[in-house]
Amino acid sequence: MPAKPVLFFSFRSPYSWLAIERLRKARPDMHRAIDFIPIWNPDTEFTAALAAHKSGFHYAEMSSVKHRYVLTDVRRLARRDGLKITWPIDRNPHWELPNLTWLASRAQGADERLYTAMVTARWEGGSNICAPQTLRRLALEAGLDPDMPTKALRDADVRAEALHCLQRAWDEDIFGFPYFRIGPHRYWGIDRLPDFLAAWRQPAQRPSPAGELADVEPVPAFGEDASGGCG
């Protein structure tokens, strides 16, 4: 059987939202055909659990100047895609709440409905999806128990699945969002979505990992250059 595509996504990332909206148009069956893995900035408890498993979190916070650029860039891309954006303000967000709620919804087959409700509320409505009252309302919209958010935070099985998602991102060197994988092939960022879709449509024509690197010149100082040097 061919490898099932994997998408590491983030409710926090506007580029993740935009890429998945484009993906939805190309593959309306995406939630069933792709293994969606949510990733978020872990709280102290999950950070400690990751450290206990010799794992961590690869993502690095962006600088203020990059953040200002992203504000303009995302608005430009959203307008190009015919989407309205109302930029949310995240004040002391607890990202476990929306992500564990979404994981709990997946066990009930409602992950697509809840995902859509959450990203619409966040990126088009500017809502704080880390607020319990907001998630209660969104759970109801998705036909779920409005108490699911608080229950998910305490559910041992959901917490174990959440930890597994974060560990998998660490083990697979996921450093940004969206991040697509199909077999050994990797595609990072919204601008790599067409390449991912092409590889998915034509598995027989995918280059081998060695072939993808065939034209890359060796870099003797790999690992010694300044961090962030590639932009």
C-alpha atoms as a PDB file:
ATOM      1  CA  MET A   1       0.000   0.000   0.000  1.00  0.00           C
ATOM      2  CA  PRO A   2       1.310   3.512  -0.769  1.00  0.00           C
ATOM      3  CA  ALA A   3       2.194   5.609   2.246  1.00  0.00           C
ATOM      4  CA  LYS A   4      -0.656   7.763   3.529  1.00  0.00           C
ATOM      5  CA  PRO A   5       0.227  11.462   3.255  1.00  0.00           C
ATOM      6  CA  VAL A   6       0.848  13.291   6.519  1.00  0.00           C
ATOM      7  CA  LEU A   7       0.153  16.931   7.316  1.00  0.00           C
ATOM      8  CA  PHE A   8       1.585  18.578  10.409  1.00  0.00           C
ATOM      9  CA  PHE A   9      -0.586  21.640  10.997  1.00  0.00           C
ATOM     10  CA  SER A  10      -1.032  24.369  13.581  1.00  0.00           C
ATOM     11  CA  PHE A  11      -4.150  26.254  14.631  1.00  0.00           C
ATOM     12  CA  ARG A  12      -1.806  29.111  15.502  1.00  0.00           C
ATOM     13  CA  SER A  13      -0.265  29.436  12.036  1.00  0.00           C
ATOM     14  CA  PRO A  14      -2.026  31.558   9.402  1.00  0.00           C
ATOM     15  CA  TYR A  15       0.003  29.846   6.676  1.00  0.00           C
ATOM     16  CA  SER A  16      -1.285  26.487   7.888  1.00  0.00           C
ATOM     17  CA  TRP A  17      -4.852  27.820   7.624  1.00  0.00           C
ATOM     18  CA  LEU A  18      -4.321  29.227   4.124  1.00  0.00           C
ATOM     19  CA  ALA A  19      -2.592  26.097   2.841  1.00  0.00           C
ATOM     20  CA  ILE A  20      -5.330  23.823   4.138  1.00  0.00           C
ATOM     21  CA  GLU A  21      -8.007  26.030   2.560  1.00  0.00           C
ATOM     22  CA  ARG A  22      -6.225  25.587  -0.769  1.00  0.00           C
ATOM     23  CA  LEU A  23      -5.814  21.882  -0.116  1.00  0.00           C
ATOM     24  CA  ARG A  24      -9.537  21.589   0.615  1.00  0.00           C
ATOM     25  CA  LYS A  25     -10.338  22.859  -2.901  1.00  0.00           C
ATOM     26  CA  ALA A  26      -7.977  20.346  -4.490  1.00  0.00           C
ATOM     27  CA  ARG A  27      -8.927  17.421  -2.260  1.00  0.00           C
ATOM     28  CA  PRO A  28     -12.318  17.797  -0.545  1.00  0.00           C
ATOM     29  CA  ASP A  29     -11.656  14.383   1.040  1.00  0.00           C
ATOM     30  CA  MET A  30      -8.476  15.629   2.724  1.00  0.00           C
ATOM     31  CA  HIS A  31      -9.550  14.853   6.307  1.00  0.00           C
ATOM     32  CA  ARG A  32      -9.984  11.196   5.425  1.00  0.00           C
ATOM     33  CA  ALA A  33      -7.166  10.848   2.902  1.00  0.00           C
ATOM     34  CA  ILE A  34      -4.439  12.602   4.909  1.00  0.00           C
ATOM     35  CA  ASP A  35      -3.164  11.933   8.413  1.00  0.00           C
ATOM     36  CA  PHE A  36      -3.605  15.306  10.142  1.00  0.00           C
ATOM     37  CA  ILE A  37      -1.169  15.834  13.052  1.00  0.00           C
ATOM     38  CA  PRO A  38      -1.766  18.943  15.201  1.00  0.00           C
ATOM     39  CA  ILE A  39       1.273  20.685  16.661  1.00  0.00           C
ATOM     40  CA  TRP A  40       1.313  23.523  19.187  1.00  0.00           C
ATOM     41  CA  ASN A  41       3.526  25.320  21.690  1.00  0.00           C
ATOM     42  CA  PRO A  42       3.404  22.908  24.647  1.00  0.00           C
ATOM     43  CA  ASP A  43       2.662  24.078  28.175  1.00  0.00           C
ATOM     44  CA  THR A  44       4.957  23.322  31.103  1.00  0.00           C
ATOM     45  CA  GLU A  45       3.360  19.942  31.788  1.00  0.00           C
ATOM     46  CA  PHE A  46       3.703  18.715  28.216  1.00  0.00           C
ATOM     47  CA  THR A  47       7.182  20.222  27.969  1.00  0.00           C
ATOM     48  CA  ALA A  48       8.217  18.207  31.006  1.00  0.00           C
ATOM     49  CA  ALA A  49       6.645  15.053  29.541  1.00  0.00           C
ATOM     50  CA  LEU A  50       8.537  15.594  26.295  1.00  0.00           C
ATOM     51  CA  ALA A  51      11.804  16.085  28.172  1.00  0.00           C
ATOM     52  CA  ALA A  52      11.173  12.849  30.065  1.00  0.00           C
ATOM     53  CA  HIS A  53      10.980  11.092  26.694  1.00  0.00           C
ATOM     54  CA  LYS A  54      14.111  12.905  25.467  1.00  0.00           C
ATOM     55  CA  SER A  55      11.997  14.959  23.064  1.00  0.00           C
ATOM     56  CA  GLY A  56      11.360  18.663  22.641  1.00  0.00           C
ATOM     57  CA  PHE A  57       9.853  21.260  20.316  1.00  0.00           C
ATOM     58  CA  HIS A  58      11.734  22.380  17.206  1.00  0.00           C
ATOM     59  CA  TYR A  59       9.737  25.522  16.392  1.00  0.00           C
ATOM     60  CA  ALA A  60      11.440  28.849  17.207  1.00  0.00           C
ATOM     61  CA  GLU A  61       9.504  32.061  17.849  1.00  0.00           C
ATOM     62  CA  MET A  62       9.831  34.659  15.106  1.00  0.00           C
ATOM     63  CA  SER A  63      11.304  38.112  15.539  1.00  0.00           C
ATOM     64  CA  SER A  64       9.111  41.210  15.725  1.00  0.00           C
ATOM     65  CA  VAL A  65      10.217  42.367  12.268  1.00  0.00           C
ATOM     66  CA  LYS A  66       9.304  39.006  10.753  1.00  0.00           C
ATOM     67  CA  HIS A  67       5.971  39.121  12.548  1.00  0.00           C
ATOM     68  CA  ARG A  68       5.214  42.517  11.004  1.00  0.00           C
ATOM     69  CA  TYR A  69       6.015  41.107   7.570  1.00  0.00           C
ATOM     70  CA  VAL A  70       3.748  38.102   8.173  1.00  0.00           C
ATOM     71  CA  LEU A  71       0.831  40.396   9.019  1.00  0.00           C
ATOM     72  CA  THR A  72       1.085  42.012   5.590  1.00  0.00           C
ATOM     73  CA  ASP A  73       1.904  38.826   3.699  1.00  0.00           C
ATOM     74  CA  VAL A  74      -0.986  36.814   5.138  1.00  0.00           C
ATOM     75  CA  ARG A  75      -3.494  39.555   4.396  1.00  0.00           C
ATOM     76  CA  ARG A  76      -2.221  39.691   0.810  1.00  0.00           C
ATOM     77  CA  LEU A  77      -2.488  35.903   0.375  1.00  0.00           C
ATOM     78  CA  ALA A  78      -5.928  35.754   1.982  1.00  0.00           C
ATOM     79  CA  ARG A  79      -7.213  38.491  -0.325  1.00  0.00           C
ATOM     80  CA  ARG A  80      -5.779  36.628  -3.323  1.00  0.00           C
ATOM     81  CA  ASP A  81      -7.642  33.481  -2.250  1.00  0.00           C
ATOM     82  CA  GLY A  82     -10.917  35.361  -1.690  1.00  0.00           C
ATOM     83  CA  LEU A  83     -10.784  34.921   2.089  1.00  0.00           C
ATOM     84  CA  LYS A  84     -11.592  37.444   4.766  1.00  0.00           C
ATOM     85  CA  ILE A  85      -9.168  37.652   7.664  1.00  0.00           C
ATOM     86  CA  THR A  86      -9.683  39.255  11.046  1.00  0.00           C
ATOM     87  CA  TRP A  87      -6.382  38.908  12.849  1.00  0.00           C
ATOM     88  CA  PRO A  88      -6.840  37.263  16.270  1.00  0.00           C
ATOM     89  CA  ILE A  89      -5.071  38.550  19.364  1.00  0.00           C
ATOM     90  CA  ASP A  90      -3.576  35.724  21.444  1.00  0.00           C
ATOM     91  CA  ARG A  91      -3.046  36.806  25.033  1.00  0.00           C
ATOM     92  CA  ASN A  92      -1.532  34.067  27.224  1.00  0.00           C
ATOM     93  CA  PRO A  93      -3.058  31.306  25.078  1.00  0.00           C
ATOM     94  CA  HIS A  94      -3.266  27.753  26.373  1.00  0.00           C
ATOM     95  CA  TRP A  95      -2.936  25.833  23.125  1.00  0.00           C
ATOM     96  CA  GLU A  96      -3.626  22.462  24.734  1.00  0.00           C
ATOM     97  CA  LEU A  97      -7.305  23.392  24.999  1.00  0.00           C
ATOM     98  CA  PRO A  98      -8.164  23.665  21.263  1.00  0.00           C
ATOM     99  CA  ASN A  99      -5.737  20.953  20.176  1.00  0.00           C
ATOM    100  CA  LEU A 100      -6.839  18.325  22.692  1.00  0.00           C
ATOM    101  CA  THR A 101     -10.460  19.194  21.957  1.00  0.00           C
ATOM    102  CA  TRP A 102      -9.822  18.607  18.268  1.00  0.00           C
ATOM    103  CA  LEU A 103      -8.109  15.288  18.993  1.00  0.00           C
ATOM    104  CA  ALA A 104     -11.097  14.227  21.099  1.00  0.00           C
ATOM    105  CA  SER A 105     -13.454  15.154  18.256  1.00  0.00           C
ATOM    106  CA  ARG A 106     -11.533  12.914  15.861  1.00  0.00           C
ATOM    107  CA  ALA A 107     -12.487   9.844  17.920  1.00  0.00           C
ATOM    108  CA  GLN A 108     -16.130  10.775  17.225  1.00  0.00           C
ATOM    109  CA  GLY A 109     -15.630  11.386  13.513  1.00  0.00           C
ATOM    110  CA  ALA A 110     -16.284  15.108  13.944  1.00  0.00           C
ATOM    111  CA  ASP A 111     -12.737  16.379  13.362  1.00  0.00           C
ATOM    112  CA  GLU A 112     -13.524  17.978   9.997  1.00  0.00           C
ATOM    113  CA  ARG A 113     -16.571  19.821  11.345  1.00  0.00           C
ATOM    114  CA  LEU A 114     -14.743  21.065  14.423  1.00  0.00           C
ATOM    115  CA  TYR A 115     -11.617  22.014  12.478  1.00  0.00           C
ATOM    116  CA  THR A 116     -13.699  24.124  10.094  1.00  0.00           C
ATOM    117  CA  ALA A 117     -15.580  25.773  12.961  1.00  0.00           C
ATOM    118  CA  MET A 118     -12.341  26.561  14.786  1.00  0.00           C
ATOM    119  CA  VAL A 119     -10.366  28.038  11.894  1.00  0.00           C
ATOM    120  CA  THR A 120     -13.361  30.039  10.698  1.00  0.00           C
ATOM    121  CA  ALA A 121     -13.839  31.478  14.184  1.00  0.00           C
ATOM    122  CA  ARG A 122     -10.140  32.213  14.586  1.00  0.00           C
ATOM    123  CA  TRP A 123      -9.071  33.560  11.210  1.00  0.00           C
ATOM    124  CA  GLU A 124     -12.291  35.032   9.863  1.00  0.00           C
ATOM    125  CA  GLY A 125     -13.910  36.042  13.141  1.00  0.00           C
ATOM    126  CA  GLY A 126     -10.804  36.962  15.153  1.00  0.00           C
ATOM    127  CA  SER A 127     -12.000  34.777  18.052  1.00  0.00           C
ATOM    128  CA  ASN A 128      -9.788  33.425  20.812  1.00  0.00           C
ATOM    129  CA  ILE A 129     -10.118  29.672  20.317  1.00  0.00           C
ATOM    130  CA  CYS A 130      -8.143  29.086  23.518  1.00  0.00           C
ATOM    131  CA  ALA A 131     -11.043  30.551  25.525  1.00  0.00           C
ATOM    132  CA  PRO A 132     -13.240  27.815  27.072  1.00  0.00           C
ATOM    133  CA  GLN A 133     -16.472  29.672  26.311  1.00  0.00           C
ATOM    134  CA  THR A 134     -15.492  29.998  22.651  1.00  0.00           C
ATOM    135  CA  LEU A 135     -14.694  26.310  22.373  1.00  0.00           C
ATOM    136  CA  ARG A 136     -17.969  25.373  24.055  1.00  0.00           C
ATOM    137  CA  ARG A 137     -19.822  27.315  21.372  1.00  0.00           C
ATOM    138  CA  LEU A 138     -17.762  25.779  18.558  1.00  0.00           C
ATOM    139  CA  ALA A 139     -18.254  22.267  19.921  1.00  0.00           C
ATOM    140  CA  LEU A 140     -22.009  22.845  19.837  1.00  0.00           C
ATOM    141  CA  GLU A 141     -21.763  24.105  16.250  1.00  0.00           C
ATOM    142  CA  ALA A 142     -19.979  20.854  15.358  1.00  0.00           C
ATOM    143  CA  GLY A 143     -22.687  18.765  17.028  1.00  0.00           C
ATOM    144  CA  LEU A 144     -20.493  17.818  19.987  1.00  0.00           C
ATOM    145  CA  ASP A 145     -20.791  17.901  23.759  1.00  0.00           C
ATOM    146  CA  PRO A 146     -20.108  21.517  24.807  1.00  0.00           C
ATOM    147  CA  ASP A 147     -18.170  20.146  27.794  1.00  0.00           C
ATOM    148  CA  MET A 148     -15.766  18.305  25.486  1.00  0.00           C
ATOM    149  CA  PRO A 149     -13.002  20.949  25.851  1.00  0.00           C
ATOM    150  CA  THR A 150     -12.725  20.603  29.620  1.00  0.00           C
ATOM    151  CA  LYS A 151     -13.148  16.829  29.462  1.00  0.00           C
ATOM    152  CA  ALA A 152     -10.439  16.500  26.809  1.00  0.00           C
ATOM    153  CA  LEU A 153      -7.874  18.242  29.010  1.00  0.00           C
ATOM    154  CA  ARG A 154      -8.387  15.606  31.713  1.00  0.00           C
ATOM    155  CA  ASP A 155      -8.796  12.559  29.464  1.00  0.00           C
ATOM    156  CA  ALA A 156      -5.758  10.279  29.823  1.00  0.00           C
ATOM    157  CA  ASP A 157      -6.176   8.753  26.358  1.00  0.00           C
ATOM    158  CA  VAL A 158      -6.459  12.148  24.667  1.00  0.00           C
ATOM    159  CA  ARG A 159      -3.421  13.442  26.559  1.00  0.00           C
ATOM    160  CA  ALA A 160      -1.430  10.371  25.520  1.00  0.00           C
ATOM    161  CA  GLU A 161      -2.397  10.944  21.885  1.00  0.00           C
ATOM    162  CA  ALA A 162      -1.456  14.615  22.182  1.00  0.00           C
ATOM    163  CA  LEU A 163       1.951  13.730  23.585  1.00  0.00           C
ATOM    164  CA  HIS A 164       2.440  11.264  20.742  1.00  0.00           C
ATOM    165  CA  CYS A 165       1.731  14.054  18.200  1.00  0.00           C
ATOM    166  CA  LEU A 166       4.372  16.296  19.771  1.00  0.00           C
ATOM    167  CA  GLN A 167       6.876  13.455  20.017  1.00  0.00           C
ATOM    168  CA  ARG A 168       6.295  12.566  16.389  1.00  0.00           C
ATOM    169  CA  ALA A 169       6.956  16.158  15.324  1.00  0.00           C
ATOM    170  CA  TRP A 170      10.220  16.085  17.265  1.00  0.00           C
ATOM    171  CA  ASP A 171      11.286  12.717  15.873  1.00  0.00           C
ATOM    172  CA  GLU A 172      10.473  13.744  12.291  1.00  0.00           C
ATOM    173  CA  ASP A 173      12.271  17.128  12.591  1.00  0.00           C
ATOM    174  CA  ILE A 174       9.152  19.248  12.049  1.00  0.00           C
ATOM    175  CA  PHE A 175      10.152  22.873  12.540  1.00  0.00           C
ATOM    176  CA  GLY A 176       7.387  24.860  10.801  1.00  0.00           C
ATOM    177  CA  PHE A 177       3.845  24.719   9.459  1.00  0.00           C
ATOM    178  CA  PRO A 178       2.308  23.509   7.278  1.00  0.00           C
ATOM    179  CA  TYR A 179       4.631  20.571   6.796  1.00  0.00           C
ATOM    180  CA  PHE A 180       3.632  17.837   4.338  1.00  0.00           C
ATOM    181  CA  ARG A 181       5.119  14.357   4.132  1.00  0.00           C
ATOM    182  CA  ILE A 182       4.461  11.562   1.690  1.00  0.00           C
ATOM    183  CA  GLY A 183       6.703   8.566   2.177  1.00  0.00           C
ATOM    184  CA  PRO A 184      10.228   9.916   2.620  1.00  0.00           C
ATOM    185  CA  HIS A 185       9.435  13.159   0.763  1.00  0.00           C
ATOM    186  CA  ARG A 186       9.032  16.435   2.641  1.00  0.00           C
ATOM    187  CA  TYR A 187       7.376  19.738   1.677  1.00  0.00           C
ATOM    188  CA  TRP A 188       7.461  22.689   4.054  1.00  0.00           C
ATOM    189  CA  GLY A 189       5.334  25.780   3.668  1.00  0.00           C
ATOM    190  CA  ILE A 190       2.309  26.976   1.732  1.00  0.00           C
ATOM    191  CA  ASP A 191       4.361  27.487  -1.434  1.00  0.00           C
ATOM    192  CA  ARG A 192       5.240  23.767  -1.506  1.00  0.00           C
ATOM    193  CA  LEU A 193       1.597  22.654  -1.623  1.00  0.00           C
ATOM    194  CA  PRO A 194       1.599  22.232  -5.458  1.00  0.00           C
ATOM    195  CA  ASP A 195       4.687  20.002  -5.214  1.00  0.00           C
ATOM    196  CA  PHE A 196       3.053  17.890  -2.532  1.00  0.00           C
ATOM    197  CA  LEU A 197      -0.138  17.512  -4.582  1.00  0.00           C
ATOM    198  CA  ALA A 198       1.843  16.570  -7.673  1.00  0.00           C
ATOM    199  CA  ALA A 199       3.773  13.904  -5.752  1.00  0.00           C
ATOM    200  CA  TRP A 200       0.521  12.595  -4.304  1.00  0.00           C
ATOM    201  CA  ARG A 201      -1.166  12.351  -7.724  1.00  0.00           C
ATOM    202  CA  GLN A 202       1.776  10.670  -9.427  1.00  0.00           C
ATOM    203  CA  PRO A 203       3.475   8.330  -6.949  1.00  0.00           C
ATOM    204  CA  ALA A 204       5.255   6.402  -9.702  1.00  0.00           C
ATOM    205  CA  GLN A 205       6.995   9.596 -10.793  1.00  0.00           C
ATOM    206  CA  ARG A 206       8.182  10.747  -7.387  1.00  0.00           C
ATOM    207  CA  PRO A 207      11.942  11.177  -7.300  1.00  0.00           C
ATOM    208  CA  SER A 208      13.880   9.158  -4.802  1.00  0.00           C
ATOM    209  CA  PRO A 209      15.170  11.131  -1.789  1.00  0.00           C
ATOM    210  CA  ALA A 210      18.656  10.733  -3.263  1.00  0.00           C
ATOM    211  CA  GLY A 211      17.392  12.085  -6.598  1.00  0.00           C
ATOM    212  CA  GLU A 212      15.901  15.148  -4.948  1.00  0.00           C
ATOM    213  CA  LEU A 213      19.345  15.980  -3.566  1.00  0.00           C
ATOM    214  CA  ALA A 214      21.317  15.070  -6.678  1.00  0.00           C
ATOM    215  CA  ASP A 215      21.684  18.664  -7.857  1.00  0.00           C
ATOM    216  CA  VAL A 216      22.571  20.104  -4.461  1.00  0.00           C
ATOM    217  CA  GLU A 217      26.211  21.031  -4.041  1.00  0.00           C
ATOM    218  CA  PRO A 218      27.923  19.557  -0.967  1.00  0.00           C
ATOM    219  CA  VAL A 219      28.217  22.033   1.906  1.00  0.00           C
ATOM    220  CA  PRO A 220      31.311  21.194   3.972  1.00  0.00           C
ATOM    221  CA  ALA A 221      30.313  23.625   6.733  1.00  0.00           C
ATOM    222  CA  PHE A 222      26.797  22.224   7.139  1.00  0.00           C
ATOM    223  CA  GLY A 223      25.753  22.748  10.744  1.00  0.00           C
ATOM    224  CA  GLU A 224      28.332  25.496  11.263  1.00  0.00           C
ATOM    225  CA  ASP A 225      26.562  28.356   9.464  1.00  0.00           C
ATOM    226  CA  ALA A 226      24.617  30.991  11.385  1.00  0.00           C
ATOM    227  CA  SER A 227      21.123  29.975  12.432  1.00  0.00           C
ATOM    228  CA  GLY A 228      18.413  31.560  10.329  1.00  0.00           C
ATOM    229  CA  GLY A 229      20.834  32.276   7.506  1.00  0.00           C
ATOM    230  CA  CYS A 230      18.461  30.948   4.870  1.00  0.00           C
ATOM    231  CA  GLY A 231      15.734  33.392   5.881  1.00  0.00           C
END
